């Protein structure tokens, strides 16, 4: 029983460290990823990975709206000076 509990705890720890939130920016036609550790709330600064540019970017969460298939996330991208909207899964 002790071995089973230890296995479950170890598996939960490994699987949660690999979690990320994936999305798509329709305007730039780019996939984005928000890695674990970013608290995604309106007004918070977070770091995203933009697969098109191959770079991490600092953005501010401006708005979050639930949709039928996920979440629409509007951010302000400091590097480009643009507002971007992501469809997050």
PDB file of N, CA and C in Angstrom:
ATOM      1  N   UNK A   1       0.827  -1.191   0.000  1.00  0.00           N
ATOM      2  CA  UNK A   1       0.000   0.000   0.000  1.00  0.00           C
ATOM      3  C   UNK A   1       0.872   1.256   0.000  1.00  0.00           C
ATOM      4  N   UNK A   2       1.927   1.221   0.808  1.00  0.00           N
ATOM      5  CA  UNK A   2       2.826   2.373   0.885  1.00  0.00           C
ATOM      6  C   UNK A   2       3.501   2.634  -0.467  1.00  0.00           C
ATOM      7  N   UNK A   3       3.853   1.563  -1.155  1.00  0.00           N
ATOM      8  CA  UNK A   3       4.502   1.665  -2.458  1.00  0.00           C
ATOM      9  C   UNK A   3       3.545   2.268  -3.496  1.00  0.00           C
ATOM     10  N   UNK A   4       2.278   1.863  -3.442  1.00  0.00           N
ATOM     11  CA  UNK A   4       1.266   2.389  -4.354  1.00  0.00           C
ATOM     12  C   UNK A   4       1.072   3.885  -4.141  1.00  0.00           C
ATOM     13  N   UNK A   5       0.980   4.310  -2.891  1.00  0.00           N
ATOM     14  CA  UNK A   5       0.807   5.732  -2.568  1.00  0.00           C
ATOM     15  C   UNK A   5       2.006   6.546  -3.043  1.00  0.00           C
ATOM     16  N   UNK A   6       3.195   6.038  -2.823  1.00  0.00           N
ATOM     17  CA  UNK A   6       4.404   6.713  -3.271  1.00  0.00           C
ATOM     18  C   UNK A   6       4.433   6.829  -4.796  1.00  0.00           C
ATOM     19  N   UNK A   7       4.012   5.794  -5.506  1.00  0.00           N
ATOM     20  CA  UNK A   7       3.963   5.823  -6.974  1.00  0.00           C
ATOM     21  C   UNK A   7       2.977   6.867  -7.481  1.00  0.00           C
ATOM     22  N   UNK A   8       1.830   6.949  -6.831  1.00  0.00           N
ATOM     23  CA  UNK A   8       0.817   7.930  -7.235  1.00  0.00           C
ATOM     24  C   UNK A   8       1.326   9.345  -7.024  1.00  0.00           C
ATOM     25  N   UNK A   9       1.945   9.603  -5.894  1.00  0.00           N
ATOM     26  CA  UNK A   9       2.485  10.939  -5.605  1.00  0.00           C
ATOM     27  C   UNK A   9       3.578  11.302  -6.604  1.00  0.00           C
ATOM     28  N   UNK A  10       4.466  10.365  -6.903  1.00  0.00           N
ATOM     29  CA  UNK A  10       5.550  10.625  -7.856  1.00  0.00           C
ATOM     30  C   UNK A  10       5.003  10.892  -9.246  1.00  0.00           C
ATOM     31  N   UNK A  11       4.018  10.117  -9.684  1.00  0.00           N
ATOM     32  CA  UNK A  11       3.426  10.320 -10.994  1.00  0.00           C
ATOM     33  C   UNK A  11       2.730  11.679 -11.086  1.00  0.00           C
ATOM     34  N   UNK A  12       2.005  12.055 -10.039  1.00  0.00           N
ATOM     35  CA  UNK A  12       1.306  13.353 -10.029  1.00  0.00           C
ATOM     36  C   UNK A  12       2.305  14.493 -10.104  1.00  0.00           C
ATOM     37  N   UNK A  13       3.409  14.376  -9.413  1.00  0.00           N
ATOM     38  CA  UNK A  13       4.432  15.417  -9.448  1.00  0.00           C
ATOM     39  C   UNK A  13       5.084  15.550 -10.811  1.00  0.00           C
ATOM     40  N   UNK A  14       5.362  14.430 -11.459  1.00  0.00           N
ATOM     41  CA  UNK A  14       5.977  14.464 -12.788  1.00  0.00           C
ATOM     42  C   UNK A  14       5.021  14.975 -13.847  1.00  0.00           C
ATOM     43  N   UNK A  15       3.769  14.565 -13.791  1.00  0.00           N
ATOM     44  CA  UNK A  15       2.831  14.983 -14.822  1.00  0.00           C
ATOM     45  C   UNK A  15       2.456  16.445 -14.674  1.00  0.00           C
ATOM     46  N   UNK A  16       2.382  16.969 -13.462  1.00  0.00           N
ATOM     47  CA  UNK A  16       2.009  18.374 -13.289  1.00  0.00           C
ATOM     48  C   UNK A  16       3.140  19.320 -13.686  1.00  0.00           C
ATOM     49  N   UNK A  17       4.395  18.843 -13.618  1.00  0.00           N
ATOM     50  CA  UNK A  17       5.502  19.718 -13.997  1.00  0.00           C
ATOM     51  C   UNK A  17       5.573  19.907 -15.505  1.00  0.00           C
ATOM     52  N   UNK A  18       4.903  19.060 -16.260  1.00  0.00           N
ATOM     53  CA  UNK A  18       4.945  19.149 -17.712  1.00  0.00           C
ATOM     54  C   UNK A  18       3.755  19.914 -18.282  1.00  0.00           C
ATOM     55  N   UNK A  19       2.881  20.404 -17.434  1.00  0.00           N
ATOM     56  CA  UNK A  19       1.675  21.065 -17.922  1.00  0.00           C
ATOM     57  C   UNK A  19       1.965  22.456 -18.466  1.00  0.00           C
ATOM     58  N   UNK A  20       1.300  22.782 -19.540  1.00  0.00           N
ATOM     59  CA  UNK A  20       1.360  24.110 -20.133  1.00  0.00           C
ATOM     60  C   UNK A  20      -0.018  24.388 -20.720  1.00  0.00           C
ATOM     61  N   UNK A  21      -0.277  25.642 -21.015  1.00  0.00           N
ATOM     62  CA  UNK A  21      -1.555  26.037 -21.590  1.00  0.00           C
ATOM     63  C   UNK A  21      -1.277  26.455 -23.025  1.00  0.00           C
ATOM     64  N   UNK A  22      -1.826  25.732 -23.985  1.00  0.00           N
ATOM     65  CA  UNK A  22      -1.567  25.971 -25.403  1.00  0.00           C
ATOM     66  C   UNK A  22      -2.681  26.798 -26.021  1.00  0.00           C
ATOM     67  N   UNK A  23      -2.297  27.640 -26.981  1.00  0.00           N
ATOM     68  CA  UNK A  23      -3.287  28.449 -27.663  1.00  0.00           C
ATOM     69  C   UNK A  23      -2.838  28.836 -29.055  1.00  0.00           C
ATOM     70  N   UNK A  24      -3.687  29.621 -29.716  1.00  0.00           N
ATOM     71  CA  UNK A  24      -3.427  30.023 -31.099  1.00  0.00           C
ATOM     72  C   UNK A  24      -3.811  31.476 -31.280  1.00  0.00           C
ATOM     73  N   UNK A  25      -2.945  32.233 -31.948  1.00  0.00           N
ATOM     74  CA  UNK A  25      -3.190  33.626 -32.297  1.00  0.00           C
ATOM     75  C   UNK A  25      -3.585  33.651 -33.775  1.00  0.00           C
ATOM     76  N   UNK A  26      -4.883  33.838 -34.045  1.00  0.00           N
ATOM     77  CA  UNK A  26      -5.385  33.777 -35.425  1.00  0.00           C
ATOM     78  C   UNK A  26      -4.837  34.913 -36.289  1.00  0.00           C
ATOM     79  N   UNK A  27      -4.620  36.080 -35.703  1.00  0.00           N
ATOM     80  CA  UNK A  27      -4.146  37.223 -36.497  1.00  0.00           C
ATOM     81  C   UNK A  27      -2.718  36.997 -37.015  1.00  0.00           C
ATOM     82  N   UNK A  28      -1.838  36.522 -36.144  1.00  0.00           N
ATOM     83  CA  UNK A  28      -0.457  36.285 -36.585  1.00  0.00           C
ATOM     84  C   UNK A  28      -0.235  34.853 -37.060  1.00  0.00           C
ATOM     85  N   UNK A  29      -1.290  34.028 -36.934  1.00  0.00           N
ATOM     86  CA  UNK A  29      -1.218  32.608 -37.322  1.00  0.00           C
ATOM     87  C   UNK A  29      -0.065  31.902 -36.620  1.00  0.00           C
ATOM     88  N   UNK A  30      -0.040  32.079 -35.303  1.00  0.00           N
ATOM     89  CA  UNK A  30       1.052  31.543 -34.509  1.00  0.00           C
ATOM     90  C   UNK A  30       0.518  30.808 -33.291  1.00  0.00           C
ATOM     91  N   UNK A  31       1.147  29.681 -32.978  1.00  0.00           N
ATOM     92  CA  UNK A  31       0.837  28.977 -31.740  1.00  0.00           C
ATOM     93  C   UNK A  31       1.587  29.653 -30.597  1.00  0.00           C
ATOM     94  N   UNK A  32       0.956  29.669 -29.435  1.00  0.00           N
ATOM     95  CA  UNK A  32       1.577  30.226 -28.242  1.00  0.00           C
ATOM     96  C   UNK A  32       1.449  29.214 -27.108  1.00  0.00           C
ATOM     97  N   UNK A  33       2.330  29.346 -26.136  1.00  0.00           N
ATOM     98  CA  UNK A  33       2.309  28.460 -24.983  1.00  0.00           C
ATOM     99  C   UNK A  33       2.567  29.279 -23.733  1.00  0.00           C
ATOM    100  N   UNK A  34       1.752  29.033 -22.722  1.00  0.00           N
ATOM    101  CA  UNK A  34       1.956  29.635 -21.407  1.00  0.00           C
ATOM    102  C   UNK A  34       2.378  28.496 -20.491  1.00  0.00           C
ATOM    103  N   UNK A  35       3.598  28.579 -20.000  1.00  0.00           N
ATOM    104  CA  UNK A  35       4.130  27.496 -19.194  1.00  0.00           C
ATOM    105  C   UNK A  35       3.623  27.561 -17.757  1.00  0.00           C
ATOM    106  N   UNK A  36       3.738  26.436 -17.077  1.00  0.00           N
ATOM    107  CA  UNK A  36       3.358  26.336 -15.679  1.00  0.00           C
ATOM    108  C   UNK A  36       4.112  27.399 -14.873  1.00  0.00           C
ATOM    109  N   UNK A  37       3.453  27.963 -13.885  1.00  0.00           N
ATOM    110  CA  UNK A  37       4.083  28.965 -13.031  1.00  0.00           C
ATOM    111  C   UNK A  37       3.606  30.372 -13.330  1.00  0.00           C
ATOM    112  N   UNK A  38       2.907  30.564 -14.434  1.00  0.00           N
ATOM    113  CA  UNK A  38       2.339  31.869 -14.769  1.00  0.00           C
ATOM    114  C   UNK A  38       0.908  31.931 -14.235  1.00  0.00           C
ATOM    115  N   UNK A  39       0.622  32.918 -13.397  1.00  0.00           N
ATOM    116  CA  UNK A  39      -0.727  33.101 -12.880  1.00  0.00           C
ATOM    117  C   UNK A  39      -1.484  33.967 -13.879  1.00  0.00           C
ATOM    118  N   UNK A  40      -2.345  33.342 -14.665  1.00  0.00           N
ATOM    119  CA  UNK A  40      -3.052  34.029 -15.741  1.00  0.00           C
ATOM    120  C   UNK A  40      -4.326  34.646 -15.175  1.00  0.00           C
ATOM    121  N   UNK A  41      -4.235  35.935 -14.860  1.00  0.00           N
ATOM    122  CA  UNK A  41      -5.358  36.721 -14.340  1.00  0.00           C
ATOM    123  C   UNK A  41      -5.273  38.113 -14.940  1.00  0.00           C
ATOM    124  N   UNK A  42      -6.423  38.755 -15.112  1.00  0.00           N
ATOM    125  CA  UNK A  42      -6.443  40.114 -15.665  1.00  0.00           C
ATOM    126  C   UNK A  42      -5.542  41.022 -14.837  1.00  0.00           C
ATOM    127  N   UNK A  43      -4.698  41.784 -15.542  1.00  0.00           N
ATOM    128  CA  UNK A  43      -3.780  42.716 -14.899  1.00  0.00           C
ATOM    129  C   UNK A  43      -2.418  42.146 -14.584  1.00  0.00           C
ATOM    130  N   UNK A  44      -2.256  40.828 -14.665  1.00  0.00           N
ATOM    131  CA  UNK A  44      -0.967  40.200 -14.363  1.00  0.00           C
ATOM    132  C   UNK A  44      -0.052  40.191 -15.576  1.00  0.00           C
ATOM    133  N   UNK A  45       1.235  40.315 -15.315  1.00  0.00           N
ATOM    134  CA  UNK A  45       2.251  40.142 -16.341  1.00  0.00           C
ATOM    135  C   UNK A  45       2.617  38.665 -16.369  1.00  0.00           C
ATOM    136  N   UNK A  46       2.662  38.086 -17.569  1.00  0.00           N
ATOM    137  CA  UNK A  46       3.027  36.688 -17.735  1.00  0.00           C
ATOM    138  C   UNK A  46       4.022  36.569 -18.875  1.00  0.00           C
ATOM    139  N   UNK A  47       4.628  35.408 -18.979  1.00  0.00           N
ATOM    140  CA  UNK A  47       5.558  35.130 -20.067  1.00  0.00           C
ATOM    141  C   UNK A  47       4.928  34.080 -20.969  1.00  0.00           C
ATOM    142  N   UNK A  48       4.957  34.344 -22.268  1.00  0.00           N
ATOM    143  CA  UNK A  48       4.453  33.390 -23.244  1.00  0.00           C
ATOM    144  C   UNK A  48       5.603  32.971 -24.154  1.00  0.00           C
ATOM    145  N   UNK A  49       5.450  31.805 -24.768  1.00  0.00           N
ATOM    146  CA  UNK A  49       6.384  31.395 -25.810  1.00  0.00           C
ATOM    147  C   UNK A  49       5.642  31.465 -27.129  1.00  0.00           C
ATOM    148  N   UNK A  50       6.161  32.266 -28.058  1.00  0.00           N
ATOM    149  CA  UNK A  50       5.570  32.442 -29.383  1.00  0.00           C
ATOM    150  C   UNK A  50       6.327  31.527 -30.349  1.00  0.00           C
ATOM    151  N   UNK A  51       5.654  30.478 -30.818  1.00  0.00           N
ATOM    152  CA  UNK A  51       6.309  29.497 -31.675  1.00  0.00           C
ATOM    153  C   UNK A  51       6.713  30.077 -33.029  1.00  0.00           C
ATOM    154  N   UNK A  52       6.000  31.101 -33.511  1.00  0.00           N
ATOM    155  CA  UNK A  52       6.341  31.705 -34.808  1.00  0.00           C
ATOM    156  C   UNK A  52       7.680  32.427 -34.736  1.00  0.00           C
ATOM    157  N   UNK A  53       7.868  33.225 -33.687  1.00  0.00           N
ATOM    158  CA  UNK A  53       9.118  33.982 -33.558  1.00  0.00           C
ATOM    159  C   UNK A  53      10.209  33.166 -32.873  1.00  0.00           C
ATOM    160  N   UNK A  54       9.804  32.090 -32.166  1.00  0.00           N
ATOM    161  CA  UNK A  54      10.782  31.287 -31.442  1.00  0.00           C
ATOM    162  C   UNK A  54      11.309  31.994 -30.212  1.00  0.00           C
ATOM    163  N   UNK A  55      10.515  32.912 -29.647  1.00  0.00           N
ATOM    164  CA  UNK A  55      10.956  33.728 -28.522  1.00  0.00           C
ATOM    165  C   UNK A  55       9.941  33.708 -27.378  1.00  0.00           C
ATOM    166  N   UNK A  56      10.469  33.945 -26.186  1.00  0.00           N
ATOM    167  CA  UNK A  56       9.610  34.226 -25.050  1.00  0.00           C
ATOM    168  C   UNK A  56       9.286  35.710 -25.076  1.00  0.00           C
ATOM    169  N   UNK A  57       8.059  36.048 -24.693  1.00  0.00           N
ATOM    170  CA  UNK A  57       7.635  37.445 -24.675  1.00  0.00           C
ATOM    171  C   UNK A  57       6.911  37.736 -23.365  1.00  0.00           C
ATOM    172  N   UNK A  58       7.135  38.937 -22.849  1.00  0.00           N
ATOM    173  CA  UNK A  58       6.417  39.396 -21.668  1.00  0.00           C
ATOM    174  C   UNK A  58       5.172  40.131 -22.126  1.00  0.00           C
ATOM    175  N   UNK A  59       4.025  39.723 -21.576  1.00  0.00           N
ATOM    176  CA  UNK A  59       2.752  40.335 -21.940  1.00  0.00           C
ATOM    177  C   UNK A  59       1.954  40.615 -20.660  1.00  0.00           C
ATOM    178  N   UNK A  60       0.976  41.504 -20.781  1.00  0.00           N
ATOM    179  CA  UNK A  60       0.042  41.766 -19.693  1.00  0.00           C
ATOM    180  C   UNK A  60      -1.324  41.241 -20.097  1.00  0.00           C
ATOM    181  N   UNK A  61      -1.966  40.498 -19.196  1.00  0.00           N
ATOM    182  CA  UNK A  61      -3.299  39.967 -19.459  1.00  0.00           C
ATOM    183  C   UNK A  61      -4.294  41.113 -19.320  1.00  0.00           C
ATOM    184  N   UNK A  62      -4.973  41.448 -20.411  1.00  0.00           N
ATOM    185  CA  UNK A  62      -5.947  42.537 -20.421  1.00  0.00           C
ATOM    186  C   UNK A  62      -7.373  42.036 -20.170  1.00  0.00           C
ATOM    187  N   UNK A  63      -7.715  40.854 -20.725  1.00  0.00           N
ATOM    188  CA  UNK A  63      -9.081  40.348 -20.618  1.00  0.00           C
ATOM    189  C   UNK A  63      -9.082  38.837 -20.802  1.00  0.00           C
ATOM    190  N   UNK A  64      -9.988  38.167 -20.102  1.00  0.00           N
ATOM    191  CA  UNK A  64     -10.184  36.723 -20.241  1.00  0.00           C
ATOM    192  C   UNK A  64     -11.668  36.459 -20.364  1.00  0.00           C
ATOM    193  N   UNK A  65     -12.059  35.671 -21.364  1.00  0.00           N
ATOM    194  CA  UNK A  65     -13.459  35.310 -21.567  1.00  0.00           C
ATOM    195  C   UNK A  65     -13.555  33.817 -21.847  1.00  0.00           C
ATOM    196  N   UNK A  66     -14.448  33.141 -21.130  1.00  0.00           N
ATOM    197  CA  UNK A  66     -14.689  31.727 -21.406  1.00  0.00           C
ATOM    198  C   UNK A  66     -15.495  31.594 -22.692  1.00  0.00           C
ATOM    199  N   UNK A  67     -15.101  30.614 -23.505  1.00  0.00           N
ATOM    200  CA  UNK A  67     -15.847  30.296 -24.717  1.00  0.00           C
ATOM    201  C   UNK A  67     -16.319  28.857 -24.598  1.00  0.00           C
ATOM    202  N   UNK A  68     -17.089  28.412 -25.553  1.00  0.00           N
ATOM    203  CA  UNK A  68     -17.573  27.038 -25.512  1.00  0.00           C
ATOM    204  C   UNK A  68     -16.467  26.012 -25.597  1.00  0.00           C
ATOM    205  N   UNK A  69     -15.351  26.364 -26.226  1.00  0.00           N
ATOM    206  CA  UNK A  69     -14.278  25.394 -26.425  1.00  0.00           C
ATOM    207  C   UNK A  69     -13.000  25.724 -25.651  1.00  0.00           C
ATOM    208  N   UNK A  70     -13.022  26.759 -24.834  1.00  0.00           N
ATOM    209  CA  UNK A  70     -11.822  27.124 -24.084  1.00  0.00           C
ATOM    210  C   UNK A  70     -11.916  28.523 -23.531  1.00  0.00           C
ATOM    211  N   UNK A  71     -10.841  29.287 -23.689  1.00  0.00           N
ATOM    212  CA  UNK A  71     -10.770  30.647 -23.164  1.00  0.00           C
ATOM    213  C   UNK A  71     -10.163  31.564 -24.213  1.00  0.00           C
ATOM    214  N   UNK A  72     -10.768  32.734 -24.375  1.00  0.00           N
ATOM    215  CA  UNK A  72     -10.195  33.768 -25.225  1.00  0.00           C
ATOM    216  C   UNK A  72      -9.416  34.705 -24.315  1.00  0.00           C
ATOM    217  N   UNK A  73      -8.160  34.900 -24.622  1.00  0.00           N
ATOM    218  CA  UNK A  73      -7.256  35.666 -23.785  1.00  0.00           C
ATOM    219  C   UNK A  73      -6.727  36.846 -24.580  1.00  0.00           C
ATOM    220  N   UNK A  74      -6.984  38.064 -24.104  1.00  0.00           N
ATOM    221  CA  UNK A  74      -6.439  39.261 -24.751  1.00  0.00           C
ATOM    222  C   UNK A  74      -5.270  39.755 -23.921  1.00  0.00           C
ATOM    223  N   UNK A  75      -4.132  39.978 -24.588  1.00  0.00           N
ATOM    224  CA  UNK A  75      -2.919  40.424 -23.905  1.00  0.00           C
ATOM    225  C   UNK A  75      -2.337  41.640 -24.620  1.00  0.00           C
ATOM    226  N   UNK A  76      -1.501  42.376 -23.892  1.00  0.00           N
ATOM    227  CA  UNK A  76      -0.722  43.449 -24.490  1.00  0.00           C
ATOM    228  C   UNK A  76       0.716  42.969 -24.561  1.00  0.00           C
ATOM    229  N   UNK A  77       1.271  42.931 -25.763  1.00  0.00           N
ATOM    230  CA  UNK A  77       2.636  42.467 -26.016  1.00  0.00           C
ATOM    231  C   UNK A  77       3.558  43.680 -25.996  1.00  0.00           C
ATOM    232  N   UNK A  78       4.422  43.760 -24.982  1.00  0.00           N
ATOM    233  CA  UNK A  78       5.299  44.927 -24.825  1.00  0.00           C
ATOM    234  C   UNK A  78       6.300  45.076 -25.965  1.00  0.00           C
ATOM    235  N   UNK A  79       6.806  43.974 -26.476  1.00  0.00           N
ATOM    236  CA  UNK A  79       7.833  44.054 -27.525  1.00  0.00           C
ATOM    237  C   UNK A  79       7.273  44.621 -28.829  1.00  0.00           C
ATOM    238  N   UNK A  80       6.094  44.143 -29.231  1.00  0.00           N
ATOM    239  CA  UNK A  80       5.512  44.609 -30.493  1.00  0.00           C
ATOM    240  C   UNK A  80       4.666  45.867 -30.310  1.00  0.00           C
ATOM    241  N   UNK A  81       4.211  46.114 -29.079  1.00  0.00           N
ATOM    242  CA  UNK A  81       3.327  47.248 -28.820  1.00  0.00           C
ATOM    243  C   UNK A  81       1.895  46.998 -29.278  1.00  0.00           C
ATOM    244  N   UNK A  82       1.556  45.735 -29.502  1.00  0.00           N
ATOM    245  CA  UNK A  82       0.232  45.367 -30.012  1.00  0.00           C
ATOM    246  C   UNK A  82      -0.583  44.610 -28.975  1.00  0.00           C
ATOM    247  N   UNK A  83      -1.892  44.700 -29.119  1.00  0.00           N
ATOM    248  CA  UNK A  83      -2.802  43.832 -28.389  1.00  0.00           C
ATOM    249  C   UNK A  83      -2.977  42.568 -29.207  1.00  0.00           C
ATOM    250  N   UNK A  84      -2.950  41.428 -28.546  1.00  0.00           N
ATOM    251  CA  UNK A  84      -3.091  40.150 -29.225  1.00  0.00           C
ATOM    252  C   UNK A  84      -4.192  39.353 -28.543  1.00  0.00           C
ATOM    253  N   UNK A  85      -4.896  38.549 -29.320  1.00  0.00           N
ATOM    254  CA  UNK A  85      -5.950  37.706 -28.791  1.00  0.00           C
ATOM    255  C   UNK A  85      -5.622  36.253 -29.088  1.00  0.00           C
ATOM    256  N   UNK A  86      -5.630  35.432 -28.039  1.00  0.00           N
ATOM    257  CA  UNK A  86      -5.307  34.018 -28.154  1.00  0.00           C
ATOM    258  C   UNK A  86      -6.549  33.190 -27.858  1.00  0.00           C
ATOM    259  N   UNK A  87      -6.749  32.139 -28.625  1.00  0.00           N
ATOM    260  CA  UNK A  87      -7.755  31.121 -28.313  1.00  0.00           C
ATOM    261  C   UNK A  87      -7.004  30.014 -27.586  1.00  0.00           C
ATOM    262  N   UNK A  88      -7.272  29.886 -26.297  1.00  0.00           N
ATOM    263  CA  UNK A  88      -6.567  28.921 -25.467  1.00  0.00           C
ATOM    264  C   UNK A  88      -7.410  27.664 -25.288  1.00  0.00           C
ATOM    265  N   UNK A  89      -6.769  26.509 -25.349  1.00  0.00           N
ATOM    266  CA  UNK A  89      -7.453  25.229 -25.178  1.00  0.00           C
ATOM    267  C   UNK A  89      -7.642  24.908 -23.717  1.00  0.00           C
TER     268      UNK A  89
END
